[in-house]
């Protein structure tokens, strides 16, 4: 389990780096934080969420992420 420092969680580029470097697979996002990350220009979201398997939000069902590669369709 990781606790993300305040100076990282509120800075989308730093948060993406943290998620990637620590291979985070499950995270609790507030809707506004997830929106801020998804709408931030210039972030490589494929890389940011490459290890993410589940996104949790308060009062919402968990979102299970499924990653596929081009070879999966062959």
PDB file of N, CA and C in Angstrom:
ATOM      1  N   UNK A   1       0.840  -1.161   0.000  1.00  0.00           N
ATOM      2  CA  UNK A   1       0.000   0.000   0.000  1.00  0.00           C
ATOM      3  C   UNK A   1       0.892   1.234   0.000  1.00  0.00           C
ATOM      4  N   UNK A   2       0.485   2.229  -0.790  1.00  0.00           N
ATOM      5  CA  UNK A   2       1.205   3.487  -0.873  1.00  0.00           C
ATOM      6  C   UNK A   2       0.283   4.617  -0.450  1.00  0.00           C
ATOM      7  N   UNK A   3       0.844   5.574   0.248  1.00  0.00           N
ATOM      8  CA  UNK A   3       0.146   6.815   0.536  1.00  0.00           C
ATOM      9  C   UNK A   3       0.817   7.881  -0.319  1.00  0.00           C
ATOM     10  N   UNK A   4       0.045   8.490  -1.180  1.00  0.00           N
ATOM     11  CA  UNK A   4       0.591   9.469  -2.115  1.00  0.00           C
ATOM     12  C   UNK A   4       0.689  10.819  -1.399  1.00  0.00           C
ATOM     13  N   UNK A   5       1.874  11.435  -1.401  1.00  0.00           N
ATOM     14  CA  UNK A   5       2.035  12.730  -0.728  1.00  0.00           C
ATOM     15  C   UNK A   5       1.126  13.800  -1.342  1.00  0.00           C
ATOM     16  N   UNK A   6       0.708  14.766  -0.528  1.00  0.00           N
ATOM     17  CA  UNK A   6      -0.188  15.833  -0.991  1.00  0.00           C
ATOM     18  C   UNK A   6       0.378  16.603  -2.175  1.00  0.00           C
ATOM     19  N   UNK A   7       1.687  16.874  -2.171  1.00  0.00           N
ATOM     20  CA  UNK A   7       2.261  17.649  -3.270  1.00  0.00           C
ATOM     21  C   UNK A   7       2.267  16.865  -4.583  1.00  0.00           C
ATOM     22  N   UNK A   8       2.113  15.557  -4.520  1.00  0.00           N
ATOM     23  CA  UNK A   8       2.068  14.706  -5.711  1.00  0.00           C
ATOM     24  C   UNK A   8       0.625  14.509  -6.174  1.00  0.00           C
ATOM     25  N   UNK A   9      -0.270  14.250  -5.265  1.00  0.00           N
ATOM     26  CA  UNK A   9      -1.646  13.907  -5.645  1.00  0.00           C
ATOM     27  C   UNK A   9      -2.354  15.057  -6.346  1.00  0.00           C
ATOM     28  N   UNK A  10      -1.993  16.288  -6.036  1.00  0.00           N
ATOM     29  CA  UNK A  10      -2.661  17.438  -6.645  1.00  0.00           C
ATOM     30  C   UNK A  10      -1.940  17.962  -7.881  1.00  0.00           C
ATOM     31  N   UNK A  11      -0.921  17.266  -8.337  1.00  0.00           N
ATOM     32  CA  UNK A  11      -0.167  17.657  -9.529  1.00  0.00           C
ATOM     33  C   UNK A  11      -0.214  16.501 -10.526  1.00  0.00           C
ATOM     34  N   UNK A  12      -1.112  16.567 -11.534  1.00  0.00           N
ATOM     35  CA  UNK A  12      -1.282  15.426 -12.439  1.00  0.00           C
ATOM     36  C   UNK A  12       0.007  14.857 -13.037  1.00  0.00           C
ATOM     37  N   UNK A  13       0.959  15.669 -13.522  1.00  0.00           N
ATOM     38  CA  UNK A  13       2.193  15.061 -14.041  1.00  0.00           C
ATOM     39  C   UNK A  13       2.973  14.283 -12.975  1.00  0.00           C
ATOM     40  N   UNK A  14       3.058  14.826 -11.766  1.00  0.00           N
ATOM     41  CA  UNK A  14       3.746  14.107 -10.688  1.00  0.00           C
ATOM     42  C   UNK A  14       2.978  12.849 -10.291  1.00  0.00           C
ATOM     43  N   UNK A  15       1.654  12.933 -10.282  1.00  0.00           N
ATOM     44  CA  UNK A  15       0.841  11.773  -9.933  1.00  0.00           C
ATOM     45  C   UNK A  15       1.038  10.650 -10.941  1.00  0.00           C
ATOM     46  N   UNK A  16       1.038  10.990 -12.225  1.00  0.00           N
ATOM     47  CA  UNK A  16       1.249   9.991 -13.281  1.00  0.00           C
ATOM     48  C   UNK A  16       2.614   9.327 -13.117  1.00  0.00           C
ATOM     49  N   UNK A  17       3.631  10.119 -12.831  1.00  0.00           N
ATOM     50  CA  UNK A  17       4.971   9.565 -12.609  1.00  0.00           C
ATOM     51  C   UNK A  17       4.961   8.619 -11.406  1.00  0.00           C
ATOM     52  N   UNK A  18       4.310   9.017 -10.334  1.00  0.00           N
ATOM     53  CA  UNK A  18       4.221   8.188  -9.135  1.00  0.00           C
ATOM     54  C   UNK A  18       3.521   6.870  -9.427  1.00  0.00           C
ATOM     55  N   UNK A  19       2.381   6.936 -10.134  1.00  0.00           N
ATOM     56  CA  UNK A  19       1.634   5.716 -10.468  1.00  0.00           C
ATOM     57  C   UNK A  19       2.483   4.754 -11.285  1.00  0.00           C
ATOM     58  N   UNK A  20       3.203   5.300 -12.250  1.00  0.00           N
ATOM     59  CA  UNK A  20       4.029   4.474 -13.136  1.00  0.00           C
ATOM     60  C   UNK A  20       5.228   3.887 -12.406  1.00  0.00           C
ATOM     61  N   UNK A  21       5.962   4.720 -11.704  1.00  0.00           N
ATOM     62  CA  UNK A  21       7.184   4.267 -11.029  1.00  0.00           C
ATOM     63  C   UNK A  21       6.896   3.236  -9.949  1.00  0.00           C
ATOM     64  N   UNK A  22       5.733   3.325  -9.321  1.00  0.00           N
ATOM     65  CA  UNK A  22       5.406   2.409  -8.230  1.00  0.00           C
ATOM     66  C   UNK A  22       4.481   1.273  -8.653  1.00  0.00           C
ATOM     67  N   UNK A  23       4.205   1.183  -9.961  1.00  0.00           N
ATOM     68  CA  UNK A  23       3.367   0.113 -10.518  1.00  0.00           C
ATOM     69  C   UNK A  23       2.039  -0.014  -9.757  1.00  0.00           C
ATOM     70  N   UNK A  24       1.395   1.119  -9.527  1.00  0.00           N
ATOM     71  CA  UNK A  24       0.134   1.139  -8.793  1.00  0.00           C
ATOM     72  C   UNK A  24      -0.938   0.420  -9.607  1.00  0.00           C
ATOM     73  N   UNK A  25      -1.649  -0.507  -8.981  1.00  0.00           N
ATOM     74  CA  UNK A  25      -2.651  -1.311  -9.681  1.00  0.00           C
ATOM     75  C   UNK A  25      -4.084  -0.971  -9.278  1.00  0.00           C
ATOM     76  N   UNK A  26      -4.256  -0.275  -8.160  1.00  0.00           N
ATOM     77  CA  UNK A  26      -5.605   0.047  -7.673  1.00  0.00           C
ATOM     78  C   UNK A  26      -5.536   1.391  -6.962  1.00  0.00           C
ATOM     79  N   UNK A  27      -6.477   2.281  -7.274  1.00  0.00           N
ATOM     80  CA  UNK A  27      -6.433   3.605  -6.665  1.00  0.00           C
ATOM     81  C   UNK A  27      -7.837   4.128  -6.443  1.00  0.00           C
ATOM     82  N   UNK A  28      -7.987   4.836  -5.332  1.00  0.00           N
ATOM     83  CA  UNK A  28      -9.224   5.529  -5.024  1.00  0.00           C
ATOM     84  C   UNK A  28      -9.089   6.963  -5.537  1.00  0.00           C
ATOM     85  N   UNK A  29      -9.919   7.318  -6.503  1.00  0.00           N
ATOM     86  CA  UNK A  29      -9.944   8.668  -7.060  1.00  0.00           C
ATOM     87  C   UNK A  29     -11.244   9.343  -6.656  1.00  0.00           C
ATOM     88  N   UNK A  30     -11.203  10.636  -6.382  1.00  0.00           N
ATOM     89  CA  UNK A  30     -12.437  11.405  -6.349  1.00  0.00           C
ATOM     90  C   UNK A  30     -12.766  11.691  -7.814  1.00  0.00           C
ATOM     91  N   UNK A  31     -14.022  11.885  -8.143  1.00  0.00           N
ATOM     92  CA  UNK A  31     -14.355  12.191  -9.537  1.00  0.00           C
ATOM     93  C   UNK A  31     -13.598  13.406 -10.078  1.00  0.00           C
ATOM     94  N   UNK A  32     -13.441  14.442  -9.260  1.00  0.00           N
ATOM     95  CA  UNK A  32     -12.749  15.653  -9.733  1.00  0.00           C
ATOM     96  C   UNK A  32     -11.263  15.397  -9.976  1.00  0.00           C
ATOM     97  N   UNK A  33     -10.633  14.565  -9.156  1.00  0.00           N
ATOM     98  CA  UNK A  33      -9.217  14.248  -9.373  1.00  0.00           C
ATOM     99  C   UNK A  33      -9.043  13.421 -10.637  1.00  0.00           C
ATOM    100  N   UNK A  34      -9.885  12.427 -10.839  1.00  0.00           N
ATOM    101  CA  UNK A  34      -9.788  11.624 -12.057  1.00  0.00           C
ATOM    102  C   UNK A  34     -10.005  12.505 -13.283  1.00  0.00           C
ATOM    103  N   UNK A  35     -10.973  13.405 -13.234  1.00  0.00           N
ATOM    104  CA  UNK A  35     -11.226  14.307 -14.350  1.00  0.00           C
ATOM    105  C   UNK A  35     -10.011  15.196 -14.610  1.00  0.00           C
ATOM    106  N   UNK A  36      -9.394  15.721 -13.558  1.00  0.00           N
ATOM    107  CA  UNK A  36      -8.215  16.579 -13.710  1.00  0.00           C
ATOM    108  C   UNK A  36      -7.080  15.833 -14.387  1.00  0.00           C
ATOM    109  N   UNK A  37      -6.866  14.579 -14.021  1.00  0.00           N
ATOM    110  CA  UNK A  37      -5.797  13.777 -14.630  1.00  0.00           C
ATOM    111  C   UNK A  37      -6.131  13.480 -16.092  1.00  0.00           C
ATOM    112  N   UNK A  38      -7.360  13.064 -16.356  1.00  0.00           N
ATOM    113  CA  UNK A  38      -7.734  12.691 -17.720  1.00  0.00           C
ATOM    114  C   UNK A  38      -7.737  13.881 -18.668  1.00  0.00           C
ATOM    115  N   UNK A  39      -8.001  15.078 -18.167  1.00  0.00           N
ATOM    116  CA  UNK A  39      -8.076  16.260 -19.023  1.00  0.00           C
ATOM    117  C   UNK A  39      -6.777  17.051 -19.090  1.00  0.00           C
ATOM    118  N   UNK A  40      -5.765  16.668 -18.323  1.00  0.00           N
ATOM    119  CA  UNK A  40      -4.505  17.405 -18.313  1.00  0.00           C
ATOM    120  C   UNK A  40      -3.780  17.181 -19.637  1.00  0.00           C
ATOM    121  N   UNK A  41      -3.447  18.258 -20.319  1.00  0.00           N
ATOM    122  CA  UNK A  41      -2.802  18.179 -21.636  1.00  0.00           C
ATOM    123  C   UNK A  41      -1.369  17.655 -21.526  1.00  0.00           C
ATOM    124  N   UNK A  42      -1.015  16.765 -22.448  1.00  0.00           N
ATOM    125  CA  UNK A  42       0.360  16.305 -22.554  1.00  0.00           C
ATOM    126  C   UNK A  42       0.721  15.078 -21.738  1.00  0.00           C
ATOM    127  N   UNK A  43      -0.222  14.518 -20.988  1.00  0.00           N
ATOM    128  CA  UNK A  43       0.084  13.320 -20.205  1.00  0.00           C
ATOM    129  C   UNK A  43      -0.068  12.078 -21.075  1.00  0.00           C
ATOM    130  N   UNK A  44       0.826  11.135 -20.902  1.00  0.00           N
ATOM    131  CA  UNK A  44       0.735   9.849 -21.587  1.00  0.00           C
ATOM    132  C   UNK A  44      -0.120   8.933 -20.714  1.00  0.00           C
ATOM    133  N   UNK A  45      -1.433   8.941 -20.956  1.00  0.00           N
ATOM    134  CA  UNK A  45      -2.347   8.189 -20.098  1.00  0.00           C
ATOM    135  C   UNK A  45      -2.197   6.683 -20.260  1.00  0.00           C
ATOM    136  N   UNK A  46      -1.795   6.227 -21.452  1.00  0.00           N
ATOM    137  CA  UNK A  46      -1.540   4.792 -21.621  1.00  0.00           C
ATOM    138  C   UNK A  46      -0.429   4.347 -20.687  1.00  0.00           C
ATOM    139  N   UNK A  47       0.621   5.141 -20.616  1.00  0.00           N
ATOM    140  CA  UNK A  47       1.733   4.822 -19.724  1.00  0.00           C
ATOM    141  C   UNK A  47       1.322   5.001 -18.262  1.00  0.00           C
ATOM    142  N   UNK A  48       0.578   6.064 -17.993  1.00  0.00           N
ATOM    143  CA  UNK A  48       0.176   6.369 -16.615  1.00  0.00           C
ATOM    144  C   UNK A  48      -0.650   5.255 -15.994  1.00  0.00           C
ATOM    145  N   UNK A  49      -1.524   4.650 -16.800  1.00  0.00           N
ATOM    146  CA  UNK A  49      -2.426   3.632 -16.283  1.00  0.00           C
ATOM    147  C   UNK A  49      -2.050   2.224 -16.740  1.00  0.00           C
ATOM    148  N   UNK A  50      -0.797   2.037 -17.167  1.00  0.00           N
ATOM    149  CA  UNK A  50      -0.399   0.733 -17.695  1.00  0.00           C
ATOM    150  C   UNK A  50      -0.490  -0.389 -16.667  1.00  0.00           C
ATOM    151  N   UNK A  51      -0.307  -0.093 -15.405  1.00  0.00           N
ATOM    152  CA  UNK A  51      -0.369  -1.122 -14.364  1.00  0.00           C
ATOM    153  C   UNK A  51      -1.713  -1.129 -13.639  1.00  0.00           C
ATOM    154  N   UNK A  52      -2.515  -0.091 -13.871  1.00  0.00           N
ATOM    155  CA  UNK A  52      -3.783   0.069 -13.158  1.00  0.00           C
ATOM    156  C   UNK A  52      -4.766  -1.023 -13.565  1.00  0.00           C
ATOM    157  N   UNK A  53      -5.344  -1.675 -12.583  1.00  0.00           N
ATOM    158  CA  UNK A  53      -6.334  -2.722 -12.819  1.00  0.00           C
ATOM    159  C   UNK A  53      -7.718  -2.321 -12.341  1.00  0.00           C
ATOM    160  N   UNK A  54      -7.760  -1.407 -11.369  1.00  0.00           N
ATOM    161  CA  UNK A  54      -9.049  -1.029 -10.810  1.00  0.00           C
ATOM    162  C   UNK A  54      -8.997   0.426 -10.364  1.00  0.00           C
ATOM    163  N   UNK A  55     -10.004   1.190 -10.766  1.00  0.00           N
ATOM    164  CA  UNK A  55     -10.162   2.566 -10.307  1.00  0.00           C
ATOM    165  C   UNK A  55     -11.403   2.596  -9.428  1.00  0.00           C
ATOM    166  N   UNK A  56     -11.244   3.070  -8.220  1.00  0.00           N
ATOM    167  CA  UNK A  56     -12.355   3.142  -7.267  1.00  0.00           C
ATOM    168  C   UNK A  56     -12.706   4.605  -7.041  1.00  0.00           C
ATOM    169  N   UNK A  57     -14.006   4.859  -6.922  1.00  0.00           N
ATOM    170  CA  UNK A  57     -14.486   6.202  -6.606  1.00  0.00           C
ATOM    171  C   UNK A  57     -15.554   6.075  -5.534  1.00  0.00           C
ATOM    172  N   UNK A  58     -15.608   7.035  -4.607  1.00  0.00           N
ATOM    173  CA  UNK A  58     -16.610   6.970  -3.547  1.00  0.00           C
ATOM    174  C   UNK A  58     -18.024   6.882  -4.114  1.00  0.00           C
ATOM    175  N   UNK A  59     -18.819   6.016  -3.539  1.00  0.00           N
ATOM    176  CA  UNK A  59     -20.231   5.851  -3.908  1.00  0.00           C
ATOM    177  C   UNK A  59     -20.451   5.435  -5.351  1.00  0.00           C
ATOM    178  N   UNK A  60     -19.448   4.840  -5.970  1.00  0.00           N
ATOM    179  CA  UNK A  60     -19.556   4.373  -7.356  1.00  0.00           C
ATOM    180  C   UNK A  60     -19.043   2.935  -7.407  1.00  0.00           C
ATOM    181  N   UNK A  61     -19.562   2.136  -8.330  1.00  0.00           N
ATOM    182  CA  UNK A  61     -18.982   0.792  -8.486  1.00  0.00           C
ATOM    183  C   UNK A  61     -17.545   0.900  -8.972  1.00  0.00           C
ATOM    184  N   UNK A  62     -16.715  -0.051  -8.569  1.00  0.00           N
ATOM    185  CA  UNK A  62     -15.326  -0.071  -9.029  1.00  0.00           C
ATOM    186  C   UNK A  62     -15.294  -0.253 -10.539  1.00  0.00           C
ATOM    187  N   UNK A  63     -14.323   0.385 -11.174  1.00  0.00           N
ATOM    188  CA  UNK A  63     -14.129   0.259 -12.612  1.00  0.00           C
ATOM    189  C   UNK A  63     -12.927  -0.651 -12.825  1.00  0.00           C
ATOM    190  N   UNK A  64     -13.152  -1.782 -13.445  1.00  0.00           N
ATOM    191  CA  UNK A  64     -12.059  -2.698 -13.746  1.00  0.00           C
ATOM    192  C   UNK A  64     -11.528  -2.361 -15.128  1.00  0.00           C
ATOM    193  N   UNK A  65     -10.231  -2.137 -15.204  1.00  0.00           N
ATOM    194  CA  UNK A  65      -9.614  -1.775 -16.474  1.00  0.00           C
ATOM    195  C   UNK A  65      -9.051  -3.014 -17.141  1.00  0.00           C
ATOM    196  N   UNK A  66      -9.311  -3.162 -18.409  1.00  0.00           N
ATOM    197  CA  UNK A  66      -8.791  -4.294 -19.177  1.00  0.00           C
ATOM    198  C   UNK A  66      -7.899  -3.725 -20.259  1.00  0.00           C
ATOM    199  N   UNK A  67      -6.656  -4.151 -20.256  1.00  0.00           N
ATOM    200  CA  UNK A  67      -5.707  -3.686 -21.259  1.00  0.00           C
ATOM    201  C   UNK A  67      -5.569  -4.748 -22.341  1.00  0.00           C
ATOM    202  N   UNK A  68      -5.589  -4.305 -23.559  1.00  0.00           N
ATOM    203  CA  UNK A  68      -5.382  -5.232 -24.669  1.00  0.00           C
ATOM    204  C   UNK A  68      -4.246  -4.702 -25.538  1.00  0.00           C
ATOM    205  N   UNK A  69      -3.672  -5.576 -26.290  1.00  0.00           N
ATOM    206  CA  UNK A  69      -2.643  -5.164 -27.235  1.00  0.00           C
ATOM    207  C   UNK A  69      -3.140  -5.538 -28.631  1.00  0.00           C
ATOM    208  N   UNK A  70      -2.522  -4.971 -29.674  1.00  0.00           N
ATOM    209  CA  UNK A  70      -2.961  -5.287 -31.034  1.00  0.00           C
ATOM    210  C   UNK A  70      -2.928  -6.782 -31.339  1.00  0.00           C
ATOM    211  N   UNK A  71      -2.076  -7.531 -30.667  1.00  0.00           N
ATOM    212  CA  UNK A  71      -1.959  -8.962 -30.920  1.00  0.00           C
ATOM    213  C   UNK A  71      -3.127  -9.747 -30.334  1.00  0.00           C
ATOM    214  N   UNK A  72      -3.887  -9.135 -29.430  1.00  0.00           N
ATOM    215  CA  UNK A  72      -4.999  -9.834 -28.800  1.00  0.00           C
ATOM    216  C   UNK A  72      -6.112 -10.189 -29.797  1.00  0.00           C
ATOM    217  N   UNK A  73      -6.174  -9.489 -30.910  1.00  0.00           N
ATOM    218  CA  UNK A  73      -7.227  -9.707 -31.882  1.00  0.00           C
ATOM    219  C   UNK A  73      -6.874 -10.768 -32.925  1.00  0.00           C
ATOM    220  N   UNK A  74      -5.680 -11.298 -32.859  1.00  0.00           N
ATOM    221  CA  UNK A  74      -5.225 -12.267 -33.860  1.00  0.00           C
ATOM    222  C   UNK A  74      -5.651 -13.663 -33.457  1.00  0.00           C
TER     223      UNK A  74
END
